[in-house]
Amino acid sequence: MRRLYVIAGLIFVFAGVVFAQPGPPEHRDKQFFREELRERIEMIRMWKLVETLDLTEEQSMKFFPLMNEYDSARDEYGMEQKRLIDRLDEGLKSQEPDEKELQAILDSLSEIREKQFAEETEYYNQVKGILTVEQQAGLLVFKRDFAEEVRRLIEMGKERGPGRPNIQNRP
């Protein structure tokens, strides 16, 4: 019963943000639409995590803030890596690439990857104090399966063109 309240609470919190967005997607800014889609995916992910891992209310209260903090840090590292790789691309396109500048960018990328690995290690160490071993294993399997499902739905959406993917006709 508690699990049902946790799921309902999470949906209620995120539904207000997601469903308060005006107008159909084709009339909105592309970035805005992406952000809305991301929020909906996040809401579904949280709901499915509670259900799949059979999280208690206490576990949910500890786990989700930790997961959100880790996801936020991971996103920041990803944006920084993209920015640096874009700089590499620009440097390589010049008539005479500056090897010192390229090396400095490569060194920065290496540092970011090391920080990202340390952050991930710390995250999983903290997860050990919240989830059972079975739930930890379930989390890793869930992450793989959920990412695959999201990729599949995105591909279906691309095949159908603009608008939402037709998830009723899934194979």
N, C-alpha and C. Protein backbone atom coordinates (compact mmCIF):
# COMPACT_ATOMS: atom_id res chain seq x y z
N MET A 1 0.83 -1.19 0.00
CA MET A 1 0.00 0.00 0.00
C MET A 1 0.87 1.26 0.00
N ARG A 2 1.97 1.23 0.79
CA ARG A 2 2.86 2.37 0.82
C ARG A 2 3.45 2.65 -0.55
N ARG A 3 3.80 1.56 -1.25
CA ARG A 3 4.38 1.70 -2.58
C ARG A 3 3.43 2.45 -3.50
N LEU A 4 2.16 2.15 -3.38
CA LEU A 4 1.15 2.83 -4.19
C LEU A 4 1.13 4.32 -3.88
N TYR A 5 1.24 4.68 -2.60
CA TYR A 5 1.27 6.09 -2.21
C TYR A 5 2.53 6.79 -2.74
N VAL A 6 3.65 6.09 -2.70
CA VAL A 6 4.90 6.67 -3.21
C VAL A 6 4.77 6.92 -4.71
N ILE A 7 4.28 5.93 -5.45
CA ILE A 7 4.10 6.08 -6.89
C ILE A 7 3.14 7.23 -7.18
N ALA A 8 2.03 7.25 -6.49
CA ALA A 8 1.04 8.30 -6.71
C ALA A 8 1.63 9.67 -6.40
N GLY A 9 2.39 9.76 -5.33
CA GLY A 9 3.03 11.03 -4.96
C GLY A 9 4.00 11.50 -6.01
N LEU A 10 4.83 10.59 -6.50
CA LEU A 10 5.80 10.96 -7.52
C LEU A 10 5.11 11.40 -8.80
N ILE A 11 4.08 10.69 -9.19
CA ILE A 11 3.34 11.05 -10.40
C ILE A 11 2.66 12.40 -10.21
N PHE A 12 2.09 12.61 -9.04
CA PHE A 12 1.40 13.87 -8.76
C PHE A 12 2.35 15.05 -8.83
N VAL A 13 3.54 14.91 -8.26
CA VAL A 13 4.53 15.98 -8.26
C VAL A 13 4.97 16.30 -9.68
N PHE A 14 5.32 15.28 -10.44
CA PHE A 14 5.84 15.51 -11.77
C PHE A 14 4.75 15.79 -12.80
N ALA A 15 3.56 15.30 -12.56
CA ALA A 15 2.47 15.53 -13.52
C ALA A 15 2.13 17.01 -13.62
N GLY A 16 2.16 17.71 -12.51
CA GLY A 16 1.88 19.14 -12.55
C GLY A 16 2.84 19.89 -13.44
N VAL A 17 4.09 19.54 -13.37
CA VAL A 17 5.10 20.19 -14.20
C VAL A 17 4.92 19.81 -15.65
N VAL A 18 4.72 18.53 -15.91
CA VAL A 18 4.67 18.04 -17.28
C VAL A 18 3.40 18.46 -18.00
N PHE A 19 2.25 18.29 -17.37
CA PHE A 19 0.99 18.53 -18.05
C PHE A 19 0.55 19.99 -18.03
N ALA A 20 1.28 20.85 -17.36
CA ALA A 20 0.96 22.27 -17.35
C ALA A 20 1.51 22.99 -18.58
N GLN A 21 2.15 22.28 -19.48
CA GLN A 21 2.77 22.89 -20.65
C GLN A 21 1.70 23.15 -21.71
N PRO A 22 1.72 24.38 -22.30
CA PRO A 22 0.66 24.75 -23.25
C PRO A 22 0.92 24.29 -24.68
N GLY A 23 -0.18 24.13 -25.43
CA GLY A 23 -0.12 23.94 -26.87
C GLY A 23 0.44 22.62 -27.36
N PRO A 24 0.12 22.27 -28.61
CA PRO A 24 0.64 21.04 -29.21
C PRO A 24 2.12 21.17 -29.54
N PRO A 25 2.85 20.04 -29.57
CA PRO A 25 4.30 20.07 -29.77
C PRO A 25 4.74 20.75 -31.06
N GLU A 26 3.97 20.63 -32.13
CA GLU A 26 4.43 21.18 -33.40
C GLU A 26 4.47 22.71 -33.39
N HIS A 27 3.83 23.36 -32.40
CA HIS A 27 3.82 24.81 -32.34
C HIS A 27 4.77 25.36 -31.28
N ARG A 28 5.51 24.51 -30.65
CA ARG A 28 6.44 24.95 -29.61
C ARG A 28 7.86 24.94 -30.11
N ASP A 29 8.66 25.64 -29.40
CA ASP A 29 10.09 25.65 -29.67
C ASP A 29 10.65 24.24 -29.51
N LYS A 30 11.56 23.86 -30.39
CA LYS A 30 12.12 22.51 -30.38
C LYS A 30 12.78 22.17 -29.03
N GLN A 31 13.51 23.11 -28.47
CA GLN A 31 14.18 22.88 -27.18
C GLN A 31 13.16 22.67 -26.08
N PHE A 32 12.08 23.44 -26.12
CA PHE A 32 11.03 23.31 -25.13
C PHE A 32 10.39 21.92 -25.21
N PHE A 33 10.14 21.46 -26.43
CA PHE A 33 9.56 20.14 -26.63
C PHE A 33 10.49 19.05 -26.10
N ARG A 34 11.78 19.19 -26.36
CA ARG A 34 12.75 18.22 -25.85
C ARG A 34 12.74 18.17 -24.34
N GLU A 35 12.65 19.34 -23.71
CA GLU A 35 12.65 19.40 -22.25
C GLU A 35 11.37 18.75 -21.70
N GLU A 36 10.24 19.00 -22.35
CA GLU A 36 8.99 18.38 -21.92
C GLU A 36 9.08 16.86 -22.05
N LEU A 37 9.60 16.40 -23.16
CA LEU A 37 9.75 14.96 -23.37
C LEU A 37 10.67 14.36 -22.32
N ARG A 38 11.75 15.06 -22.03
CA ARG A 38 12.69 14.59 -21.02
C ARG A 38 12.02 14.47 -19.65
N GLU A 39 11.19 15.45 -19.30
CA GLU A 39 10.48 15.41 -18.02
C GLU A 39 9.51 14.24 -17.97
N ARG A 40 8.83 13.99 -19.07
CA ARG A 40 7.89 12.86 -19.10
C ARG A 40 8.63 11.53 -18.96
N ILE A 41 9.74 11.42 -19.66
CA ILE A 41 10.55 10.20 -19.56
C ILE A 41 11.04 10.02 -18.13
N GLU A 42 11.46 11.11 -17.51
CA GLU A 42 11.94 11.05 -16.12
C GLU A 42 10.82 10.60 -15.18
N MET A 43 9.63 11.11 -15.38
CA MET A 43 8.50 10.72 -14.55
C MET A 43 8.21 9.22 -14.70
N ILE A 44 8.21 8.74 -15.92
CA ILE A 44 7.97 7.32 -16.18
C ILE A 44 9.08 6.48 -15.56
N ARG A 45 10.32 6.95 -15.70
CA ARG A 45 11.47 6.21 -15.15
C ARG A 45 11.33 6.06 -13.64
N MET A 46 10.97 7.14 -12.95
CA MET A 46 10.84 7.08 -11.50
C MET A 46 9.71 6.12 -11.10
N TRP A 47 8.59 6.22 -11.79
CA TRP A 47 7.45 5.35 -11.49
C TRP A 47 7.85 3.88 -11.69
N LYS A 48 8.52 3.59 -12.82
CA LYS A 48 8.91 2.21 -13.10
C LYS A 48 9.98 1.72 -12.13
N LEU A 49 10.86 2.61 -11.70
CA LEU A 49 11.88 2.21 -10.72
C LEU A 49 11.24 1.79 -9.40
N VAL A 50 10.29 2.58 -8.92
CA VAL A 50 9.60 2.23 -7.68
C VAL A 50 8.94 0.87 -7.82
N GLU A 51 8.29 0.67 -8.95
CA GLU A 51 7.58 -0.58 -9.20
C GLU A 51 8.55 -1.76 -9.38
N THR A 52 9.56 -1.58 -10.22
CA THR A 52 10.48 -2.68 -10.55
C THR A 52 11.33 -3.09 -9.35
N LEU A 53 11.84 -2.09 -8.62
CA LEU A 53 12.72 -2.40 -7.48
C LEU A 53 11.94 -2.64 -6.20
N ASP A 54 10.63 -2.43 -6.23
CA ASP A 54 9.78 -2.59 -5.06
C ASP A 54 10.33 -1.74 -3.90
N LEU A 55 10.55 -0.46 -4.19
CA LEU A 55 11.13 0.45 -3.20
C LEU A 55 10.13 0.77 -2.10
N THR A 56 10.63 0.82 -0.88
CA THR A 56 9.79 1.28 0.23
C THR A 56 9.77 2.81 0.19
N GLU A 57 8.89 3.38 0.98
CA GLU A 57 8.81 4.85 1.05
C GLU A 57 10.15 5.42 1.54
N GLU A 58 10.71 4.78 2.55
CA GLU A 58 11.98 5.24 3.11
C GLU A 58 13.10 5.16 2.07
N GLN A 59 13.16 4.06 1.33
CA GLN A 59 14.17 3.92 0.29
C GLN A 59 13.99 4.99 -0.79
N SER A 60 12.75 5.21 -1.19
CA SER A 60 12.46 6.21 -2.22
C SER A 60 12.91 7.60 -1.79
N MET A 61 12.65 7.94 -0.53
CA MET A 61 13.01 9.26 -0.02
C MET A 61 14.53 9.47 -0.01
N LYS A 62 15.28 8.40 0.14
CA LYS A 62 16.75 8.50 0.13
C LYS A 62 17.33 8.34 -1.28
N PHE A 63 16.75 7.41 -2.05
CA PHE A 63 17.34 7.05 -3.33
C PHE A 63 17.13 8.12 -4.41
N PHE A 64 15.91 8.65 -4.55
CA PHE A 64 15.63 9.56 -5.66
C PHE A 64 16.43 10.87 -5.60
N PRO A 65 16.58 11.49 -4.43
CA PRO A 65 17.44 12.69 -4.41
C PRO A 65 18.89 12.36 -4.79
N LEU A 66 19.38 11.21 -4.35
CA LEU A 66 20.73 10.79 -4.71
C LEU A 66 20.84 10.55 -6.21
N MET A 67 19.86 9.86 -6.77
CA MET A 67 19.86 9.58 -8.20
C MET A 67 19.79 10.88 -9.01
N ASN A 68 18.94 11.81 -8.57
CA ASN A 68 18.80 13.08 -9.28
C ASN A 68 20.10 13.89 -9.24
N GLU A 69 20.76 13.87 -8.11
CA GLU A 69 22.04 14.57 -7.98
C GLU A 69 23.09 13.95 -8.91
N TYR A 70 23.14 12.62 -8.94
CA TYR A 70 24.08 11.93 -9.82
C TYR A 70 23.76 12.22 -11.29
N ASP A 71 22.49 12.13 -11.65
CA ASP A 71 22.08 12.40 -13.04
C ASP A 71 22.44 13.82 -13.46
N SER A 72 22.25 14.77 -12.56
CA SER A 72 22.57 16.16 -12.85
C SER A 72 24.07 16.33 -13.10
N ALA A 73 24.88 15.73 -12.23
CA ALA A 73 26.34 15.80 -12.40
C ALA A 73 26.76 15.12 -13.70
N ARG A 74 26.16 13.98 -14.00
CA ARG A 74 26.48 13.25 -15.23
C ARG A 74 26.13 14.10 -16.46
N ASP A 75 24.99 14.78 -16.41
CA ASP A 75 24.59 15.65 -17.51
C ASP A 75 25.57 16.81 -17.69
N GLU A 76 26.02 17.38 -16.57
CA GLU A 76 26.98 18.48 -16.65
C GLU A 76 28.29 18.01 -17.27
N TYR A 77 28.76 16.84 -16.85
CA TYR A 77 29.99 16.29 -17.44
C TYR A 77 29.79 16.06 -18.94
N GLY A 78 28.64 15.56 -19.31
CA GLY A 78 28.35 15.31 -20.72
C GLY A 78 28.36 16.59 -21.55
N MET A 79 27.77 17.65 -21.01
CA MET A 79 27.76 18.93 -21.73
C MET A 79 29.17 19.48 -21.88
N GLU A 80 29.96 19.37 -20.82
CA GLU A 80 31.34 19.85 -20.87
C GLU A 80 32.16 19.04 -21.88
N GLN A 81 31.96 17.73 -21.89
CA GLN A 81 32.66 16.90 -22.87
C GLN A 81 32.26 17.29 -24.29
N LYS A 82 30.99 17.53 -24.51
CA LYS A 82 30.52 17.93 -25.85
C LYS A 82 31.18 19.25 -26.26
N ARG A 83 31.22 20.21 -25.33
CA ARG A 83 31.83 21.50 -25.62
C ARG A 83 33.31 21.34 -26.00
N LEU A 84 34.02 20.49 -25.25
CA LEU A 84 35.44 20.28 -25.53
C LEU A 84 35.66 19.54 -26.85
N ILE A 85 34.81 18.58 -27.14
CA ILE A 85 34.94 17.85 -28.41
C ILE A 85 34.62 18.78 -29.58
N ASP A 86 33.67 19.69 -29.39
CA ASP A 86 33.41 20.69 -30.43
C ASP A 86 34.65 21.55 -30.66
N ARG A 87 35.35 21.90 -29.58
CA ARG A 87 36.59 22.68 -29.73
C ARG A 87 37.66 21.87 -30.45
N LEU A 88 37.72 20.56 -30.17
CA LEU A 88 38.66 19.70 -30.91
C LEU A 88 38.33 19.72 -32.41
N ASP A 89 37.05 19.61 -32.71
CA ASP A 89 36.59 19.62 -34.09
C ASP A 89 37.01 20.91 -34.79
N GLU A 90 36.77 22.03 -34.11
CA GLU A 90 37.16 23.33 -34.68
C GLU A 90 38.68 23.40 -34.90
N GLY A 91 39.44 22.93 -33.91
CA GLY A 91 40.89 22.97 -34.01
C GLY A 91 41.41 22.12 -35.14
N LEU A 92 40.79 20.98 -35.35
CA LEU A 92 41.23 20.08 -36.43
C LEU A 92 40.89 20.64 -37.81
N LYS A 93 39.88 21.49 -37.89
CA LYS A 93 39.47 22.05 -39.18
C LYS A 93 40.35 23.22 -39.62
N SER A 94 41.15 23.74 -38.71
CA SER A 94 42.00 24.87 -39.08
C SER A 94 43.11 24.41 -40.02
N GLN A 95 43.68 25.35 -40.74
CA GLN A 95 44.75 25.04 -41.70
C GLN A 95 45.90 24.31 -41.03
N GLU A 96 46.35 24.83 -39.90
CA GLU A 96 47.44 24.20 -39.16
C GLU A 96 46.99 24.03 -37.71
N PRO A 97 46.48 22.86 -37.35
CA PRO A 97 46.02 22.65 -35.97
C PRO A 97 47.14 22.89 -34.95
N ASP A 98 46.79 23.57 -33.87
CA ASP A 98 47.72 23.86 -32.80
C ASP A 98 47.79 22.64 -31.87
N GLU A 99 48.89 21.90 -31.94
CA GLU A 99 49.01 20.66 -31.17
C GLU A 99 48.95 20.91 -29.67
N LYS A 100 49.51 22.02 -29.19
CA LYS A 100 49.47 22.32 -27.75
C LYS A 100 48.03 22.55 -27.29
N GLU A 101 47.28 23.27 -28.10
CA GLU A 101 45.89 23.52 -27.75
C GLU A 101 45.09 22.21 -27.78
N LEU A 102 45.30 21.41 -28.82
CA LEU A 102 44.61 20.12 -28.90
C LEU A 102 44.96 19.24 -27.70
N GLN A 103 46.23 19.21 -27.32
CA GLN A 103 46.65 18.40 -26.18
C GLN A 103 46.01 18.89 -24.88
N ALA A 104 45.91 20.22 -24.72
CA ALA A 104 45.27 20.78 -23.53
C ALA A 104 43.81 20.36 -23.46
N ILE A 105 43.14 20.36 -24.60
CA ILE A 105 41.74 19.95 -24.64
C ILE A 105 41.63 18.46 -24.32
N LEU A 106 42.52 17.64 -24.89
CA LEU A 106 42.52 16.20 -24.61
C LEU A 106 42.76 15.94 -23.12
N ASP A 107 43.67 16.71 -22.52
CA ASP A 107 43.93 16.58 -21.08
C ASP A 107 42.70 16.94 -20.26
N SER A 108 42.00 17.99 -20.68
CA SER A 108 40.76 18.39 -19.99
C SER A 108 39.71 17.29 -20.08
N LEU A 109 39.60 16.69 -21.26
CA LEU A 109 38.65 15.59 -21.44
C LEU A 109 38.99 14.42 -20.53
N SER A 110 40.25 14.12 -20.41
CA SER A 110 40.69 13.03 -19.55
C SER A 110 40.35 13.32 -18.08
N GLU A 111 40.56 14.55 -17.66
CA GLU A 111 40.23 14.95 -16.28
C GLU A 111 38.73 14.81 -16.02
N ILE A 112 37.94 15.23 -16.99
CA ILE A 112 36.48 15.13 -16.83
C ILE A 112 36.07 13.67 -16.71
N ARG A 113 36.64 12.82 -17.52
CA ARG A 113 36.29 11.39 -17.44
C ARG A 113 36.68 10.79 -16.10
N GLU A 114 37.82 11.21 -15.57
CA GLU A 114 38.24 10.73 -14.26
C GLU A 114 37.28 11.20 -13.17
N LYS A 115 36.88 12.47 -13.22
CA LYS A 115 35.91 13.00 -12.26
C LYS A 115 34.58 12.27 -12.37
N GLN A 116 34.17 12.01 -13.62
CA GLN A 116 32.90 11.33 -13.85
C GLN A 116 32.95 9.91 -13.28
N PHE A 117 34.07 9.23 -13.47
CA PHE A 117 34.21 7.88 -12.93
C PHE A 117 34.18 7.91 -11.40
N ALA A 118 34.86 8.89 -10.80
CA ALA A 118 34.86 9.01 -9.34
C ALA A 118 33.45 9.29 -8.83
N GLU A 119 32.72 10.15 -9.54
CA GLU A 119 31.34 10.48 -9.16
C GLU A 119 30.45 9.23 -9.23
N GLU A 120 30.61 8.46 -10.29
CA GLU A 120 29.82 7.24 -10.45
C GLU A 120 30.14 6.22 -9.35
N THR A 121 31.42 6.09 -9.04
CA THR A 121 31.83 5.17 -7.97
C THR A 121 31.21 5.58 -6.64
N GLU A 122 31.24 6.88 -6.33
CA GLU A 122 30.66 7.39 -5.09
C GLU A 122 29.15 7.16 -5.06
N TYR A 123 28.51 7.38 -6.20
CA TYR A 123 27.06 7.16 -6.30
C TYR A 123 26.71 5.71 -5.95
N TYR A 124 27.40 4.77 -6.58
CA TYR A 124 27.09 3.36 -6.34
C TYR A 124 27.46 2.93 -4.92
N ASN A 125 28.47 3.55 -4.34
CA ASN A 125 28.79 3.27 -2.94
C ASN A 125 27.66 3.73 -2.02
N GLN A 126 27.07 4.89 -2.33
CA GLN A 126 25.95 5.38 -1.53
C GLN A 126 24.69 4.55 -1.77
N VAL A 127 24.50 4.09 -2.99
CA VAL A 127 23.34 3.25 -3.32
C VAL A 127 23.38 1.97 -2.48
N LYS A 128 24.58 1.45 -2.23
CA LYS A 128 24.72 0.23 -1.42
C LYS A 128 24.12 0.40 -0.04
N GLY A 129 24.13 1.61 0.49
CA GLY A 129 23.56 1.86 1.81
C GLY A 129 22.05 2.05 1.80
N ILE A 130 21.46 2.10 0.63
CA ILE A 130 20.02 2.35 0.52
C ILE A 130 19.27 1.12 0.01
N LEU A 131 19.83 0.48 -1.02
CA LEU A 131 19.15 -0.64 -1.66
C LEU A 131 19.76 -1.97 -1.24
N THR A 132 18.94 -3.01 -1.27
CA THR A 132 19.45 -4.36 -1.03
C THR A 132 20.29 -4.79 -2.23
N VAL A 133 21.02 -5.87 -2.08
CA VAL A 133 21.84 -6.37 -3.18
C VAL A 133 20.96 -6.70 -4.38
N GLU A 134 19.83 -7.33 -4.14
CA GLU A 134 18.91 -7.67 -5.22
C GLU A 134 18.40 -6.41 -5.92
N GLN A 135 18.10 -5.36 -5.15
CA GLN A 135 17.63 -4.11 -5.75
C GLN A 135 18.74 -3.42 -6.54
N GLN A 136 19.97 -3.51 -6.04
CA GLN A 136 21.11 -2.93 -6.77
C GLN A 136 21.27 -3.61 -8.13
N ALA A 137 21.18 -4.93 -8.12
CA ALA A 137 21.27 -5.68 -9.38
C ALA A 137 20.10 -5.30 -10.29
N GLY A 138 18.92 -5.20 -9.72
CA GLY A 138 17.75 -4.81 -10.48
C GLY A 138 17.89 -3.41 -11.07
N LEU A 139 18.54 -2.51 -10.33
CA LEU A 139 18.76 -1.15 -10.82
C LEU A 139 19.62 -1.16 -12.09
N LEU A 140 20.68 -1.93 -12.08
CA LEU A 140 21.56 -1.99 -13.25
C LEU A 140 20.84 -2.59 -14.46
N VAL A 141 20.07 -3.65 -14.23
CA VAL A 141 19.31 -4.26 -15.33
C VAL A 141 18.25 -3.28 -15.82
N PHE A 142 17.59 -2.60 -14.89
CA PHE A 142 16.57 -1.61 -15.25
C PHE A 142 17.17 -0.51 -16.11
N LYS A 143 18.33 0.01 -15.71
CA LYS A 143 18.97 1.09 -16.47
C LYS A 143 19.23 0.66 -17.91
N ARG A 144 19.72 -0.55 -18.08
CA ARG A 144 19.98 -1.05 -19.43
C ARG A 144 18.68 -1.18 -20.22
N ASP A 145 17.69 -1.82 -19.63
CA ASP A 145 16.43 -2.08 -20.33
C ASP A 145 15.67 -0.78 -20.62
N PHE A 146 15.67 0.15 -19.66
CA PHE A 146 14.93 1.39 -19.85
C PHE A 146 15.57 2.23 -20.95
N ALA A 147 16.90 2.31 -20.96
CA ALA A 147 17.60 3.06 -22.01
C ALA A 147 17.30 2.47 -23.38
N GLU A 148 17.27 1.15 -23.45
CA GLU A 148 16.96 0.48 -24.72
C GLU A 148 15.53 0.79 -25.16
N GLU A 149 14.60 0.77 -24.23
CA GLU A 149 13.20 1.06 -24.55
C GLU A 149 13.04 2.50 -25.04
N VAL A 150 13.71 3.44 -24.39
CA VAL A 150 13.64 4.84 -24.80
C VAL A 150 14.22 4.99 -26.20
N ARG A 151 15.36 4.37 -26.46
CA ARG A 151 15.96 4.44 -27.81
C ARG A 151 15.01 3.87 -28.85
N ARG A 152 14.36 2.76 -28.52
CA ARG A 152 13.43 2.13 -29.46
C ARG A 152 12.24 3.04 -29.75
N LEU A 153 11.71 3.67 -28.72
CA LEU A 153 10.58 4.58 -28.92
C LEU A 153 10.98 5.80 -29.74
N ILE A 154 12.20 6.30 -29.52
CA ILE A 154 12.69 7.43 -30.31
C ILE A 154 12.81 7.03 -31.77
N GLU A 155 13.34 5.84 -32.02
CA GLU A 155 13.45 5.35 -33.41
C GLU A 155 12.07 5.21 -34.04
N MET A 156 11.11 4.70 -33.29
CA MET A 156 9.75 4.57 -33.80
C MET A 156 9.19 5.95 -34.14
N GLY A 157 9.48 6.93 -33.29
CA GLY A 157 9.02 8.29 -33.53
C GLY A 157 9.65 8.88 -34.78
N LYS A 158 10.91 8.59 -35.00
CA LYS A 158 11.59 9.09 -36.20
C LYS A 158 10.98 8.47 -37.44
N GLU A 159 10.64 7.18 -37.38
CA GLU A 159 10.03 6.49 -38.51
C GLU A 159 8.66 7.06 -38.84
N ARG A 160 7.93 7.45 -37.81
CA ARG A 160 6.58 7.98 -38.02
C ARG A 160 6.60 9.45 -38.41
N GLY A 161 7.71 10.13 -38.21
CA GLY A 161 7.79 11.55 -38.51
C GLY A 161 7.43 12.37 -37.28
N PRO A 162 7.08 13.66 -37.47
CA PRO A 162 6.78 14.54 -36.35
C PRO A 162 5.61 14.02 -35.52
N GLY A 163 5.61 14.35 -34.26
CA GLY A 163 4.54 13.93 -33.37
C GLY A 163 5.01 12.85 -32.42
N ARG A 164 4.09 12.14 -31.90
CA ARG A 164 4.41 11.14 -30.88
C ARG A 164 4.48 9.75 -31.49
N PRO A 165 5.36 8.91 -30.92
CA PRO A 165 5.44 7.54 -31.43
C PRO A 165 4.17 6.77 -31.14
N ASN A 166 3.81 5.87 -32.04
CA ASN A 166 2.62 5.05 -31.88
C ASN A 166 3.00 3.82 -31.04
N ILE A 167 2.84 3.95 -29.70
CA ILE A 167 3.29 2.86 -28.83
C ILE A 167 2.25 1.75 -28.71
N GLN A 168 1.05 1.97 -29.25
CA GLN A 168 0.05 0.91 -29.19
C GLN A 168 0.39 -0.24 -30.12
N ASN A 169 1.11 0.03 -31.19
CA ASN A 169 1.42 -1.01 -32.18
C ASN A 169 2.83 -1.54 -32.03
N ARG A 170 3.29 -1.66 -30.78
CA ARG A 170 4.64 -2.17 -30.54
C ARG A 170 4.71 -3.64 -30.88
N PRO A 171 5.90 -4.09 -31.37
CA PRO A 171 6.05 -5.51 -31.68
C PRO A 171 6.09 -6.35 -30.42
